C-alpha atoms as a PDB file:
ATOM      1  CA  UNK A   1      51.991 -97.362 124.268  1.00  0.00           C
ATOM      2  CA  UNK A   2      55.080 -95.861 125.869  1.00  0.00           C
ATOM      3  CA  UNK A   3      52.990 -93.076 127.436  1.00  0.00           C
ATOM      4  CA  UNK A   4      50.566 -95.653 128.861  1.00  0.00           C
ATOM      5  CA  UNK A   5      53.341 -97.596 130.618  1.00  0.00           C
ATOM      6  CA  UNK A   6      55.035 -94.382 131.784  1.00  0.00           C
ATOM      7  CA  UNK A   7      51.798 -93.343 133.514  1.00  0.00           C
ATOM      8  CA  UNK A   8      51.680 -96.693 135.339  1.00  0.00           C
ATOM      9  CA  UNK A   9      55.347 -96.444 136.354  1.00  0.00           C
ATOM     10  CA  UNK A  10      54.866 -92.878 137.571  1.00  0.00           C
ATOM     11  CA  UNK A  11      51.994 -94.040 139.738  1.00  0.00           C
ATOM     12  CA  UNK A  12      54.188 -96.668 141.402  1.00  0.00           C
ATOM     13  CA  UNK A  13      57.052 -94.178 141.692  1.00  0.00           C
ATOM     14  CA  UNK A  14      54.835 -91.559 143.336  1.00  0.00           C
ATOM     15  CA  UNK A  15      53.506 -94.115 145.796  1.00  0.00           C
ATOM     16  CA  UNK A  16      57.029 -95.124 146.795  1.00  0.00           C
ATOM     17  CA  UNK A  17      58.115 -91.513 147.180  1.00  0.00           C
ATOM     18  CA  UNK A  18      55.834 -91.286 150.230  1.00  0.00           C
ATOM     19  CA  UNK A  19      58.015 -93.853 152.000  1.00  0.00           C
ATOM     20  CA  UNK A  20      61.199 -91.756 151.848  1.00  0.00           C
ATOM     21  CA  UNK A  21      60.347 -89.784 154.977  1.00  0.00           C
ATOM     22  CA  UNK A  22      59.520 -93.015 156.852  1.00  0.00           C
ATOM     23  CA  UNK A  23      62.863 -94.790 156.442  1.00  0.00           C
ATOM     24  CA  UNK A  24      63.113 -95.004 152.671  1.00  0.00           C
ATOM     25  CA  UNK A  25      65.965 -92.477 152.741  1.00  0.00           C
ATOM     26  CA  UNK A  26      68.337 -95.010 154.305  1.00  0.00           C
ATOM     27  CA  UNK A  27      68.689 -97.427 151.316  1.00  0.00           C
ATOM     28  CA  UNK A  28      68.948 -94.378 149.030  1.00  0.00           C
ATOM     29  CA  UNK A  29      71.782 -93.028 151.188  1.00  0.00           C
ATOM     30  CA  UNK A  30      73.611 -96.366 151.245  1.00  0.00           C
ATOM     31  CA  UNK A  31      73.283 -96.825 147.491  1.00  0.00           C
ATOM     32  CA  UNK A  32      74.456 -93.246 146.928  1.00  0.00           C
ATOM     33  CA  UNK A  33      77.588 -93.839 149.027  1.00  0.00           C
ATOM     34  CA  UNK A  34      78.339 -97.072 147.181  1.00  0.00           C
ATOM     35  CA  UNK A  35      77.849 -95.347 143.830  1.00  0.00           C
ATOM     36  CA  UNK A  36      80.146 -92.502 144.876  1.00  0.00           C
ATOM     37  CA  UNK A  37      82.889 -94.929 145.962  1.00  0.00           C
ATOM     38  CA  UNK A  38      82.616 -96.882 142.699  1.00  0.00           C
ATOM     39  CA  UNK A  39      82.832 -93.723 140.579  1.00  0.00           C
ATOM     40  CA  UNK A  40      85.767 -92.439 142.656  1.00  0.00           C
ATOM     41  CA  UNK A  41      87.610 -95.734 142.231  1.00  0.00           C
ATOM     42  CA  UNK A  42      86.927 -95.795 138.484  1.00  0.00           C
ATOM     43  CA  UNK A  43      88.070 -92.207 137.964  1.00  0.00           C
ATOM     44  CA  UNK A  44      91.114 -92.640 140.182  1.00  0.00           C
ATOM     45  CA  UNK A  45      92.241 -95.819 138.418  1.00  0.00           C
ATOM     46  CA  UNK A  46      91.814 -94.153 135.028  1.00  0.00           C
ATOM     47  CA  UNK A  47      93.885 -91.150 136.116  1.00  0.00           C
ATOM     48  CA  UNK A  48      96.508 -93.407 137.692  1.00  0.00           C
ATOM     49  CA  UNK A  49      96.717 -95.592 134.569  1.00  0.00           C
ATOM     50  CA  UNK A  50      97.099 -92.565 132.289  1.00  0.00           C
ATOM     51  CA  UNK A  51      99.741 -91.028 134.565  1.00  0.00           C
ATOM     52  CA  UNK A  52     101.786 -94.233 134.750  1.00  0.00           C
ATOM     53  CA  UNK A  53     101.521 -94.532 130.972  1.00  0.00           C
ATOM     54  CA  UNK A  54     102.939 -91.039 130.575  1.00  0.00           C
ATOM     55  CA  UNK A  55     105.952 -91.613 132.834  1.00  0.00           C
ATOM     56  CA  UNK A  56     106.745 -95.126 131.562  1.00  0.00           C
ATOM     57  CA  UNK A  57     109.492 -95.539 128.974  1.00  0.00           C
ATOM     58  CA  UNK A  58     108.188 -97.191 125.772  1.00  0.00           C
ATOM     59  CA  UNK A  59     109.608-100.655 125.190  1.00  0.00           C
ATOM     60  CA  UNK A  60     110.657 -99.641 121.684  1.00  0.00           C
ATOM     61  CA  UNK A  61     113.077 -97.157 123.277  1.00  0.00           C
ATOM     62  CA  UNK A  62     114.097 -99.209 126.309  1.00  0.00           C
ATOM     63  CA  UNK A  63     115.275-102.378 124.555  1.00  0.00           C
ATOM     64  CA  UNK A  64     117.623-100.687 122.024  1.00  0.00           C
ATOM     65  CA  UNK A  65     119.138 -98.634 124.848  1.00  0.00           C
ATOM     66  CA  UNK A  66     119.599-101.818 126.888  1.00  0.00           C
ATOM     67  CA  UNK A  67     121.829-103.323 124.183  1.00  0.00           C
ATOM     68  CA  UNK A  68     124.332-100.498 124.509  1.00  0.00           C
ATOM     69  CA  UNK A  69     124.767-101.018 128.254  1.00  0.00           C
ATOM     70  CA  UNK A  70     126.845-103.696 129.917  1.00  0.00           C
ATOM     71  CA  UNK A  71     124.391-105.008 132.491  1.00  0.00           C
ATOM     72  CA  UNK A  72     125.099-108.173 134.418  1.00  0.00           C
ATOM     73  CA  UNK A  73     122.637-111.011 133.787  1.00  0.00           C
ATOM     74  CA  UNK A  74     121.915-113.430 136.631  1.00  0.00           C
ATOM     75  CA  UNK A  75     120.445-116.934 136.343  1.00  0.00           C
ATOM     76  CA  UNK A  76     116.693-117.417 136.561  1.00  0.00           C
ATOM     77  CA  UNK A  77     113.487-115.898 135.247  1.00  0.00           C
ATOM     78  CA  UNK A  78     112.003-112.563 136.275  1.00  0.00           C
ATOM     79  CA  UNK A  79     108.319-111.906 135.605  1.00  0.00           C
ATOM     80  CA  UNK A  80     107.269-108.261 135.746  1.00  0.00           C
ATOM     81  CA  UNK A  81     103.520-107.809 135.925  1.00  0.00           C
ATOM     82  CA  UNK A  82     102.140-104.708 134.251  1.00  0.00           C
ATOM     83  CA  UNK A  83      98.848-103.513 132.801  1.00  0.00           C
ATOM     84  CA  UNK A  84     100.570-101.511 130.045  1.00  0.00           C
ATOM     85  CA  UNK A  85     101.783-103.777 127.233  1.00  0.00           C
ATOM     86  CA  UNK A  86     103.640-101.031 125.350  1.00  0.00           C
ATOM     87  CA  UNK A  87     105.445 -99.463 128.313  1.00  0.00           C
ATOM     88  CA  UNK A  88     108.337-100.612 130.458  1.00  0.00           C
ATOM     89  CA  UNK A  89     107.081-101.624 133.938  1.00  0.00           C
ATOM     90  CA  UNK A  90     108.169 -99.281 136.717  1.00  0.00           C
ATOM     91  CA  UNK A  91     109.197-102.293 138.795  1.00  0.00           C
ATOM     92  CA  UNK A  92     111.673-103.263 136.064  1.00  0.00           C
ATOM     93  CA  UNK A  93     113.146 -99.755 135.950  1.00  0.00           C
ATOM     94  CA  UNK A  94     113.448 -99.587 139.744  1.00  0.00           C
ATOM     95  CA  UNK A  95     115.046-103.033 139.927  1.00  0.00           C
ATOM     96  CA  UNK A  96     117.537-102.100 137.227  1.00  0.00           C
ATOM     97  CA  UNK A  97     118.292 -98.760 138.888  1.00  0.00           C
ATOM     98  CA  UNK A  98     118.897-100.081 142.394  1.00  0.00           C
ATOM     99  CA  UNK A  99     120.160-103.657 141.849  1.00  0.00           C
ATOM    100  CA  UNK A 100     122.059-103.074 138.565  1.00  0.00           C
ATOM    101  CA  UNK A 101     121.252-106.593 137.290  1.00  0.00           C
ATOM    102  CA  UNK A 102     118.789-108.386 135.022  1.00  0.00           C
ATOM    103  CA  UNK A 103     117.759-112.018 134.932  1.00  0.00           C
ATOM    104  CA  UNK A 104     118.645-114.232 131.979  1.00  0.00           C
ATOM    105  CA  UNK A 105     114.966-114.408 131.100  1.00  0.00           C
ATOM    106  CA  UNK A 106     112.690-111.405 131.568  1.00  0.00           C
ATOM    107  CA  UNK A 107     108.956-111.790 130.969  1.00  0.00           C
ATOM    108  CA  UNK A 108     106.687-108.736 130.784  1.00  0.00           C
ATOM    109  CA  UNK A 109     103.316-110.144 131.789  1.00  0.00           C
ATOM    110  CA  UNK A 110      99.851-108.677 131.290  1.00  0.00           C
ATOM    111  CA  UNK A 111      96.682-110.372 132.553  1.00  0.00           C
ATOM    112  CA  UNK A 112      93.564-109.768 130.454  1.00  0.00           C
ATOM    113  CA  UNK A 113      90.051-110.508 131.724  1.00  0.00           C
ATOM    114  CA  UNK A 114      87.740-111.405 128.854  1.00  0.00           C
ATOM    115  CA  UNK A 115      84.013-110.684 128.636  1.00  0.00           C
ATOM    116  CA  UNK A 116      83.136-114.378 128.770  1.00  0.00           C
ATOM    117  CA  UNK A 117      82.746-116.471 131.933  1.00  0.00           C
ATOM    118  CA  UNK A 118      85.138-119.245 130.858  1.00  0.00           C
ATOM    119  CA  UNK A 119      87.619-119.680 128.029  1.00  0.00           C
ATOM    120  CA  UNK A 120      86.698-122.633 125.864  1.00  0.00           C
ATOM    121  CA  UNK A 121      90.030-122.907 124.052  1.00  0.00           C
ATOM    122  CA  UNK A 122      92.760-123.382 126.658  1.00  0.00           C
ATOM    123  CA  UNK A 123      95.461-123.190 123.971  1.00  0.00           C
ATOM    124  CA  UNK A 124      94.669-119.505 123.474  1.00  0.00           C
ATOM    125  CA  UNK A 125      95.071-118.673 127.168  1.00  0.00           C
ATOM    126  CA  UNK A 126      98.716-117.560 126.899  1.00  0.00           C
ATOM    127  CA  UNK A 127     100.097-115.445 124.036  1.00  0.00           C
ATOM    128  CA  UNK A 128     103.886-115.087 123.798  1.00  0.00           C
ATOM    129  CA  UNK A 129     106.095-112.739 121.821  1.00  0.00           C
ATOM    130  CA  UNK A 130     109.894-112.965 121.733  1.00  0.00           C
ATOM    131  CA  UNK A 131     111.504-109.525 121.857  1.00  0.00           C
ATOM    132  CA  UNK A 132     115.220-110.342 121.918  1.00  0.00           C
ATOM    133  CA  UNK A 133     117.906-109.808 124.566  1.00  0.00           C
ATOM    134  CA  UNK A 134     116.217-112.475 126.713  1.00  0.00           C
ATOM    135  CA  UNK A 135     112.968-110.481 126.880  1.00  0.00           C
ATOM    136  CA  UNK A 136     109.522-111.967 126.280  1.00  0.00           C
ATOM    137  CA  UNK A 137     106.126-110.341 126.259  1.00  0.00           C
ATOM    138  CA  UNK A 138     103.298-112.539 127.565  1.00  0.00           C
ATOM    139  CA  UNK A 139      99.574-112.008 127.865  1.00  0.00           C
ATOM    140  CA  UNK A 140      97.349-114.380 129.832  1.00  0.00           C
ATOM    141  CA  UNK A 141      93.607-114.458 129.225  1.00  0.00           C
ATOM    142  CA  UNK A 142      91.032-115.450 131.846  1.00  0.00           C
ATOM    143  CA  UNK A 143      87.254-115.453 131.861  1.00  0.00           C
ATOM    144  CA  UNK A 144      85.595-113.225 134.438  1.00  0.00           C
ATOM    145  CA  UNK A 145      84.326-116.288 136.336  1.00  0.00           C
ATOM    146  CA  UNK A 146      87.730-117.993 136.416  1.00  0.00           C
ATOM    147  CA  UNK A 147      90.305-117.835 139.180  1.00  0.00           C
ATOM    148  CA  UNK A 148      93.334-116.034 137.664  1.00  0.00           C
ATOM    149  CA  UNK A 149      95.986-118.627 138.541  1.00  0.00           C
ATOM    150  CA  UNK A 150      99.048-117.162 136.816  1.00  0.00           C
ATOM    151  CA  UNK A 151     101.633-119.838 137.805  1.00  0.00           C
ATOM    152  CA  UNK A 152      99.336-122.634 136.605  1.00  0.00           C
ATOM    153  CA  UNK A 153      98.828-120.884 133.259  1.00  0.00           C
ATOM    154  CA  UNK A 154     102.563-120.330 132.785  1.00  0.00           C
ATOM    155  CA  UNK A 155     103.299-123.943 133.744  1.00  0.00           C
ATOM    156  CA  UNK A 156     101.468-125.062 130.577  1.00  0.00           C
ATOM    157  CA  UNK A 157     103.726-122.974 128.327  1.00  0.00           C
ATOM    158  CA  UNK A 158     105.906-125.121 126.077  1.00  0.00           C
ATOM    159  CA  UNK A 159     108.010-122.626 124.173  1.00  0.00           C
ATOM    160  CA  UNK A 160     111.543-123.211 122.933  1.00  0.00           C
ATOM    161  CA  UNK A 161     114.016-121.079 124.846  1.00  0.00           C
ATOM    162  CA  UNK A 162     111.574-120.179 127.629  1.00  0.00           C
ATOM    163  CA  UNK A 163     111.533-122.010 130.953  1.00  0.00           C
ATOM    164  CA  UNK A 164     109.407-121.452 134.049  1.00  0.00           C
ATOM    165  CA  UNK A 165     111.138-123.241 136.905  1.00  0.00           C
ATOM    166  CA  UNK A 166     109.219-122.524 140.096  1.00  0.00           C
ATOM    167  CA  UNK A 167     112.390-122.435 142.190  1.00  0.00           C
ATOM    168  CA  UNK A 168     114.149-120.039 139.798  1.00  0.00           C
ATOM    169  CA  UNK A 169     111.268-117.726 138.939  1.00  0.00           C
ATOM    170  CA  UNK A 170     110.692-114.398 140.695  1.00  0.00           C
ATOM    171  CA  UNK A 171     107.573-112.267 140.291  1.00  0.00           C
ATOM    172  CA  UNK A 172     108.103-108.512 140.495  1.00  0.00           C
ATOM    173  CA  UNK A 173     105.066-106.398 141.364  1.00  0.00           C
ATOM    174  CA  UNK A 174     104.811-102.637 141.494  1.00  0.00           C
ATOM    175  CA  UNK A 175     102.894-101.120 144.405  1.00  0.00           C
ATOM    176  CA  UNK A 176     101.860 -97.481 144.140  1.00  0.00           C
ATOM    177  CA  UNK A 177     101.445 -95.237 147.163  1.00  0.00           C
ATOM    178  CA  UNK A 178      98.864 -92.580 146.279  1.00  0.00           C
ATOM    179  CA  UNK A 179      99.439 -88.974 147.330  1.00  0.00           C
ATOM    180  CA  UNK A 180      96.418 -86.661 147.030  1.00  0.00           C
ATOM    181  CA  UNK A 181      97.768 -83.377 145.635  1.00  0.00           C
ATOM    182  CA  UNK A 182      95.012 -82.237 143.200  1.00  0.00           C
ATOM    183  CA  UNK A 183      97.499 -82.352 140.308  1.00  0.00           C
ATOM    184  CA  UNK A 184      95.826 -84.851 137.989  1.00  0.00           C
ATOM    185  CA  UNK A 185      92.104 -84.212 138.235  1.00  0.00           C
ATOM    186  CA  UNK A 186      91.005 -85.427 141.676  1.00  0.00           C
ATOM    187  CA  UNK A 187      90.027 -82.996 144.403  1.00  0.00           C
ATOM    188  CA  UNK A 188      91.884 -83.203 147.715  1.00  0.00           C
ATOM    189  CA  UNK A 189      89.088 -85.024 149.563  1.00  0.00           C
ATOM    190  CA  UNK A 190      88.312 -87.313 146.615  1.00  0.00           C
ATOM    191  CA  UNK A 191      92.022 -88.071 146.215  1.00  0.00           C
ATOM    192  CA  UNK A 192      92.235 -88.907 149.918  1.00  0.00           C
ATOM    193  CA  UNK A 193      89.338 -91.353 149.574  1.00  0.00           C
ATOM    194  CA  UNK A 194      90.957 -92.949 146.519  1.00  0.00           C
ATOM    195  CA  UNK A 195      94.267 -93.253 148.390  1.00  0.00           C
ATOM    196  CA  UNK A 196      92.437 -94.925 151.299  1.00  0.00           C
ATOM    197  CA  UNK A 197      90.693 -97.341 148.926  1.00  0.00           C
ATOM    198  CA  UNK A 198      94.009 -98.181 147.254  1.00  0.00           C
ATOM    199  CA  UNK A 199      95.663 -98.952 150.595  1.00  0.00           C
ATOM    200  CA  UNK A 200      92.798-101.303 151.482  1.00  0.00           C
ATOM    201  CA  UNK A 201      92.572-102.990 148.081  1.00  0.00           C
ATOM    202  CA  UNK A 202      92.983-106.746 147.804  1.00  0.00           C
ATOM    203  CA  UNK A 203      96.414-108.347 147.781  1.00  0.00           C
ATOM    204  CA  UNK A 204      97.731-108.882 144.253  1.00  0.00           C
ATOM    205  CA  UNK A 205      99.793-111.898 145.322  1.00  0.00           C
ATOM    206  CA  UNK A 206      96.756-113.795 146.585  1.00  0.00           C
ATOM    207  CA  UNK A 207      94.507-112.674 143.727  1.00  0.00           C
ATOM    208  CA  UNK A 208      96.841-114.059 141.043  1.00  0.00           C
ATOM    209  CA  UNK A 209      97.791-117.133 143.159  1.00  0.00           C
ATOM    210  CA  UNK A 210     101.474-116.176 143.160  1.00  0.00           C
ATOM    211  CA  UNK A 211     103.858-118.036 145.499  1.00  0.00           C
ATOM    212  CA  UNK A 212     104.375-115.776 148.549  1.00  0.00           C
ATOM    213  CA  UNK A 213     108.083-116.646 148.811  1.00  0.00           C
ATOM    214  CA  UNK A 214     108.675-115.836 145.136  1.00  0.00           C
ATOM    215  CA  UNK A 215     107.298-112.280 144.991  1.00  0.00           C
ATOM    216  CA  UNK A 216     109.223-109.013 145.201  1.00  0.00           C
ATOM    217  CA  UNK A 217     107.266-105.762 145.582  1.00  0.00           C
ATOM    218  CA  UNK A 218     108.790-102.466 144.497  1.00  0.00           C
ATOM    219  CA  UNK A 219     106.945 -99.326 145.549  1.00  0.00           C
ATOM    220  CA  UNK A 220     106.494 -95.941 143.962  1.00  0.00           C
ATOM    221  CA  UNK A 221     104.852 -92.741 145.207  1.00  0.00           C
ATOM    222  CA  UNK A 222     102.372 -91.319 142.709  1.00  0.00           C
ATOM    223  CA  UNK A 223     100.659 -87.938 143.007  1.00  0.00           C
ATOM    224  CA  UNK A 224      97.024 -87.690 141.933  1.00  0.00           C
END
C-alpha cells in the first residue's frame, strides 16, 4: 500500500518539477532563505545560551559569598529577568559591580512559555521560592497564545514579605551585543548574520509589557 501511494506522489512530484525552470525556483529560493535564517537563529541562540551559562556564577555560590560582604541595600524591589534559573543574571553582577548597591528585595525572574495555548489554572501562573538575604526566585508561566504581561502577573502575587509596588519596582534587563569571532561554533559570515538578527530582534520591554520608565538595560559584549 505504501508503494502504491509513493508512486502516485512521485507522479505529482515529477509533474511539478517541470515548473521549476518556469518560475518555480523563486518560492524554493525564498523558503530556503527563510529556513537558513531560522536555523541560524536557533543555532546562535543555543550557542549564546550555553556560553552565558558557562560564564554565569551559580546562585549556590553567589548567595553565600554575598553574606560575607557589606553591601548597601536601598529601598525598593529589583527584578532581574533571566532565562537561566540556576545562574546569577549578568545584569545583577554588572549592577553590583558598577553601582555597589542592592535593593531590599531582589527577584530573579524567569518566564516560561508552556506548550498549551492558555493556562486554565491561573493560580499556577507564578511560582515563588524564597532564597534568603532578600532574594526571591520567581517563574511565570504563559501559554503560547497568551500575551506575556509580566507586571499584571506579578500584581496578583500575595506572598508574605514580598511586595510589588509599581512606583518602587525596577526591571533590570541584560542586552547582549554579539561579536562574530568564530570562537563558539559559528562561522564568520553566519555569526555576522546572527549578530544582525539579534540587533533587529523585538524589544523585550514591549514584549513583556514592562513599564518603559521602570526598565534599566545593562549591556554585555559576547563573542560567538
